[in-house]
Amino acid sequence: AASEICERLSNDHGIYIQAINYPTVARGEERLRIVPNPHHTMKMIDDLVFSLVDAWIKTGLSLN
């Protein structure tokens, strides 16, 4: 799912986020590497949150 979310973010929103997959993490423990820096504005962060929610839902994952 992490790789699919990254692909959706790139294709649908033009955002690059790296998926961390096996063997770096255990199978089933995949995650996203998000690296904010001082040059990201609040609008950019808001856009990222919107894009993440969109990609997350389209991937079929639930929001808890």
N, C-alpha and C. Protein backbone atom coordinates (compact mmCIF):
# COMPACT_ATOMS: atom_id res chain seq x y z
N ALA A 1 0.83 -1.20 0.00
CA ALA A 1 0.00 0.00 0.00
C ALA A 1 0.87 1.26 0.00
N ALA A 2 2.01 1.21 0.69
CA ALA A 2 2.88 2.39 0.76
C ALA A 2 3.37 2.79 -0.63
N SER A 3 3.77 1.81 -1.42
CA SER A 3 4.23 2.10 -2.78
C SER A 3 3.11 2.64 -3.65
N GLU A 4 1.90 2.10 -3.47
CA GLU A 4 0.76 2.58 -4.25
C GLU A 4 0.42 4.02 -3.88
N ILE A 5 0.47 4.34 -2.60
CA ILE A 5 0.21 5.72 -2.17
C ILE A 5 1.24 6.66 -2.78
N CYS A 6 2.51 6.27 -2.75
CA CYS A 6 3.56 7.11 -3.34
C CYS A 6 3.33 7.32 -4.83
N GLU A 7 2.92 6.27 -5.51
CA GLU A 7 2.65 6.38 -6.94
C GLU A 7 1.47 7.30 -7.20
N ARG A 8 0.42 7.19 -6.41
CA ARG A 8 -0.75 8.07 -6.57
C ARG A 8 -0.38 9.53 -6.28
N LEU A 9 0.40 9.74 -5.23
CA LEU A 9 0.82 11.11 -4.91
C LEU A 9 1.61 11.72 -6.07
N SER A 10 2.48 10.93 -6.66
CA SER A 10 3.30 11.42 -7.77
C SER A 10 2.44 11.67 -9.00
N ASN A 11 1.64 10.69 -9.38
CA ASN A 11 0.85 10.78 -10.62
C ASN A 11 -0.30 11.77 -10.52
N ASP A 12 -1.01 11.77 -9.40
CA ASP A 12 -2.22 12.60 -9.27
C ASP A 12 -1.96 13.99 -8.73
N HIS A 13 -0.88 14.14 -7.93
CA HIS A 13 -0.69 15.41 -7.24
C HIS A 13 0.69 16.03 -7.44
N GLY A 14 1.59 15.34 -8.14
CA GLY A 14 2.92 15.87 -8.38
C GLY A 14 3.77 15.98 -7.12
N ILE A 15 3.52 15.10 -6.15
CA ILE A 15 4.24 15.13 -4.88
C ILE A 15 5.09 13.86 -4.79
N TYR A 16 6.39 14.04 -4.48
CA TYR A 16 7.26 12.89 -4.31
C TYR A 16 7.45 12.60 -2.83
N ILE A 17 7.05 11.40 -2.44
CA ILE A 17 7.30 10.89 -1.09
C ILE A 17 7.84 9.49 -1.27
N GLN A 18 8.81 9.13 -0.46
CA GLN A 18 9.46 7.83 -0.60
C GLN A 18 8.78 6.79 0.29
N ALA A 19 8.53 5.61 -0.28
CA ALA A 19 8.02 4.48 0.49
C ALA A 19 9.21 3.74 1.10
N ILE A 20 9.06 3.31 2.35
CA ILE A 20 10.07 2.51 3.02
C ILE A 20 9.51 1.09 3.08
N ASN A 21 10.13 0.18 2.36
CA ASN A 21 9.63 -1.18 2.20
C ASN A 21 10.62 -2.21 2.73
N TYR A 22 10.18 -3.47 2.74
CA TYR A 22 11.04 -4.59 3.10
C TYR A 22 12.24 -4.61 2.16
N PRO A 23 13.44 -4.83 2.60
CA PRO A 23 13.88 -5.34 3.90
C PRO A 23 14.25 -4.25 4.91
N THR A 24 14.08 -2.98 4.56
CA THR A 24 14.40 -1.92 5.51
C THR A 24 13.48 -1.99 6.73
N VAL A 25 12.22 -2.32 6.50
CA VAL A 25 11.26 -2.55 7.58
C VAL A 25 10.63 -3.92 7.36
N ALA A 26 10.06 -4.49 8.40
CA ALA A 26 9.43 -5.81 8.30
C ALA A 26 8.24 -5.76 7.34
N ARG A 27 7.96 -6.89 6.70
CA ARG A 27 6.77 -6.98 5.85
C ARG A 27 5.54 -6.63 6.68
N GLY A 28 4.64 -5.85 6.09
CA GLY A 28 3.45 -5.40 6.80
C GLY A 28 3.68 -4.16 7.64
N GLU A 29 4.92 -3.69 7.72
CA GLU A 29 5.26 -2.50 8.51
C GLU A 29 5.70 -1.35 7.61
N GLU A 30 5.39 -1.43 6.31
CA GLU A 30 5.83 -0.41 5.37
C GLU A 30 5.34 0.95 5.81
N ARG A 31 6.08 1.97 5.45
CA ARG A 31 5.73 3.33 5.85
C ARG A 31 6.16 4.34 4.81
N LEU A 32 5.76 5.57 5.01
CA LEU A 32 6.12 6.67 4.11
C LEU A 32 7.17 7.54 4.80
N ARG A 33 8.15 7.97 4.03
CA ARG A 33 9.15 8.91 4.57
C ARG A 33 8.77 10.31 4.09
N ILE A 34 8.39 11.14 5.03
CA ILE A 34 8.02 12.53 4.74
C ILE A 34 9.04 13.41 5.43
N VAL A 35 9.69 14.28 4.65
CA VAL A 35 10.77 15.11 5.19
C VAL A 35 10.42 16.58 4.97
N PRO A 36 9.76 17.20 5.96
CA PRO A 36 9.47 18.63 5.84
C PRO A 36 10.74 19.44 6.13
N ASN A 37 10.76 20.65 5.60
CA ASN A 37 11.88 21.54 5.90
C ASN A 37 11.35 22.96 6.04
N PRO A 38 12.17 23.89 6.49
CA PRO A 38 11.70 25.26 6.73
C PRO A 38 11.17 25.98 5.49
N HIS A 39 11.48 25.47 4.31
CA HIS A 39 11.03 26.13 3.09
C HIS A 39 9.62 25.71 2.68
N HIS A 40 9.03 24.74 3.36
CA HIS A 40 7.65 24.34 3.08
C HIS A 40 6.71 25.32 3.79
N THR A 41 5.78 25.86 3.02
CA THR A 41 4.82 26.81 3.57
C THR A 41 3.63 26.06 4.18
N MET A 42 2.81 26.76 4.94
CA MET A 42 1.60 26.15 5.49
C MET A 42 0.68 25.69 4.37
N LYS A 43 0.61 26.42 3.27
CA LYS A 43 -0.22 25.99 2.15
C LYS A 43 0.30 24.68 1.57
N MET A 44 1.61 24.56 1.45
CA MET A 44 2.19 23.31 0.94
C MET A 44 1.86 22.14 1.88
N ILE A 45 1.92 22.38 3.17
CA ILE A 45 1.61 21.33 4.14
C ILE A 45 0.13 20.97 4.06
N ASP A 46 -0.74 21.98 3.96
CA ASP A 46 -2.17 21.71 3.81
C ASP A 46 -2.44 20.91 2.54
N ASP A 47 -1.78 21.28 1.44
CA ASP A 47 -1.95 20.54 0.18
C ASP A 47 -1.47 19.09 0.33
N LEU A 48 -0.38 18.89 1.05
CA LEU A 48 0.13 17.54 1.28
C LEU A 48 -0.89 16.72 2.06
N VAL A 49 -1.46 17.29 3.11
CA VAL A 49 -2.45 16.56 3.91
C VAL A 49 -3.64 16.18 3.05
N PHE A 50 -4.17 17.11 2.25
CA PHE A 50 -5.29 16.82 1.35
C PHE A 50 -4.91 15.70 0.39
N SER A 51 -3.73 15.78 -0.20
CA SER A 51 -3.27 14.80 -1.17
C SER A 51 -3.08 13.43 -0.53
N LEU A 52 -2.52 13.39 0.67
CA LEU A 52 -2.35 12.13 1.39
C LEU A 52 -3.68 11.46 1.68
N VAL A 53 -4.65 12.24 2.15
CA VAL A 53 -5.97 11.68 2.44
C VAL A 53 -6.59 11.13 1.16
N ASP A 54 -6.49 11.86 0.08
CA ASP A 54 -7.03 11.42 -1.21
C ASP A 54 -6.38 10.10 -1.65
N ALA A 55 -5.06 10.04 -1.62
CA ALA A 55 -4.35 8.84 -2.05
C ALA A 55 -4.64 7.68 -1.10
N TRP A 56 -4.71 7.96 0.19
CA TRP A 56 -4.97 6.93 1.20
C TRP A 56 -6.32 6.26 0.94
N ILE A 57 -7.35 7.09 0.73
CA ILE A 57 -8.71 6.56 0.50
C ILE A 57 -8.78 5.81 -0.82
N LYS A 58 -8.17 6.35 -1.88
CA LYS A 58 -8.19 5.68 -3.18
C LYS A 58 -7.44 4.36 -3.15
N THR A 59 -6.52 4.20 -2.22
CA THR A 59 -5.79 2.94 -2.07
C THR A 59 -6.61 1.91 -1.32
N GLY A 60 -7.71 2.35 -0.71
CA GLY A 60 -8.60 1.43 0.00
C GLY A 60 -8.29 1.27 1.47
N LEU A 61 -7.47 2.17 2.01
CA LEU A 61 -7.15 2.11 3.43
C LEU A 61 -8.14 2.96 4.22
N SER A 62 -8.41 2.54 5.44
CA SER A 62 -9.35 3.31 6.28
C SER A 62 -8.59 4.39 7.03
N LEU A 63 -9.30 5.46 7.33
CA LEU A 63 -8.75 6.55 8.15
C LEU A 63 -9.22 6.33 9.58
N ASN A 64 -8.29 6.25 10.49
CA ASN A 64 -8.65 6.04 11.90
C ASN A 64 -8.36 7.27 12.71
